């Protein structure tokens, strides 16, 4: 049941990281009167979401290896 909760939180973490990255970029664009920072921070948010996905997958893979022994 704990694993279900962790994977469910991941389903919210990926879009949340993307939206937060876009939001930060949008606000910085408004503050500095630019038109490209939202793209930069959107990409950073997407990357942060995927990093979290990989961390969870690596941790679960490592735990599965130890459980089988």
Protein backbone atom coordinates (compact mmCIF):
# COMPACT_ATOMS: atom_id res chain seq x y z
CA UNK A 1 0.00 0.00 0.00
CA UNK A 2 2.93 2.33 0.67
CA UNK A 3 4.20 1.82 -2.88
CA UNK A 4 0.80 2.83 -4.27
CA UNK A 5 1.00 6.07 -2.30
CA UNK A 6 4.50 6.80 -3.55
CA UNK A 7 3.58 6.21 -7.19
CA UNK A 8 0.42 8.26 -6.80
CA UNK A 9 2.45 11.15 -5.42
CA UNK A 10 4.73 10.83 -8.43
CA UNK A 11 1.71 11.23 -10.70
CA UNK A 12 1.16 14.63 -9.09
CA UNK A 13 4.86 15.56 -8.79
CA UNK A 14 5.59 15.46 -12.53
CA UNK A 15 2.87 17.91 -13.59
CA UNK A 16 3.40 20.03 -10.48
CA UNK A 17 7.11 20.46 -11.22
CA UNK A 18 6.25 21.43 -14.79
CA UNK A 19 3.65 24.00 -13.72
CA UNK A 20 5.89 25.46 -11.02
CA UNK A 21 8.77 25.78 -13.49
CA UNK A 22 6.53 27.52 -16.01
CA UNK A 23 5.09 29.80 -13.29
CA UNK A 24 8.50 30.90 -12.08
CA UNK A 25 9.59 31.60 -15.64
CA UNK A 26 6.41 33.52 -16.39
CA UNK A 27 6.82 35.70 -13.31
CA UNK A 28 10.46 36.37 -14.14
CA UNK A 29 9.45 37.26 -17.71
CA UNK A 30 6.95 39.76 -16.33
CA UNK A 31 9.51 41.22 -13.91
CA UNK A 32 12.35 41.55 -16.43
CA UNK A 33 10.21 42.22 -19.55
CA UNK A 34 11.60 39.23 -21.43
CA UNK A 35 9.89 36.51 -23.45
CA UNK A 36 12.09 33.44 -23.08
CA UNK A 37 12.53 32.67 -19.39
CA UNK A 38 9.28 30.75 -19.15
CA UNK A 39 10.65 28.25 -21.67
CA UNK A 40 13.90 27.85 -19.73
CA UNK A 41 12.13 27.28 -16.44
CA UNK A 42 9.54 25.02 -18.06
CA UNK A 43 12.35 22.77 -19.27
CA UNK A 44 13.96 22.88 -15.82
CA UNK A 45 10.64 21.90 -14.23
CA UNK A 46 10.21 18.98 -16.61
CA UNK A 47 13.78 17.87 -15.90
CA UNK A 48 13.15 18.07 -12.15
CA UNK A 49 10.09 15.87 -12.53
CA UNK A 50 12.02 13.27 -14.49
CA UNK A 51 14.88 13.33 -11.98
CA UNK A 52 12.36 12.52 -9.26
CA UNK A 53 10.96 9.70 -11.42
CA UNK A 54 14.41 8.21 -11.97
CA UNK A 55 15.28 8.48 -8.26
CA UNK A 56 12.15 6.61 -7.28
CA UNK A 57 12.70 3.95 -9.95
CA UNK A 58 16.32 3.45 -8.88
CA UNK A 59 15.35 3.20 -5.23
CA UNK A 60 12.60 0.68 -5.99
CA UNK A 61 14.92 -1.37 -8.19
CA UNK A 62 17.55 -1.42 -5.45
CA UNK A 63 14.93 -2.46 -2.87
CA UNK A 64 13.66 -5.26 -5.13
CA UNK A 65 17.19 -6.65 -5.48
CA UNK A 66 17.59 -6.81 -1.69
CA UNK A 67 14.14 -8.31 -1.10
CA UNK A 68 14.84 -11.29 -3.35
CA UNK A 69 17.99 -12.34 -1.49
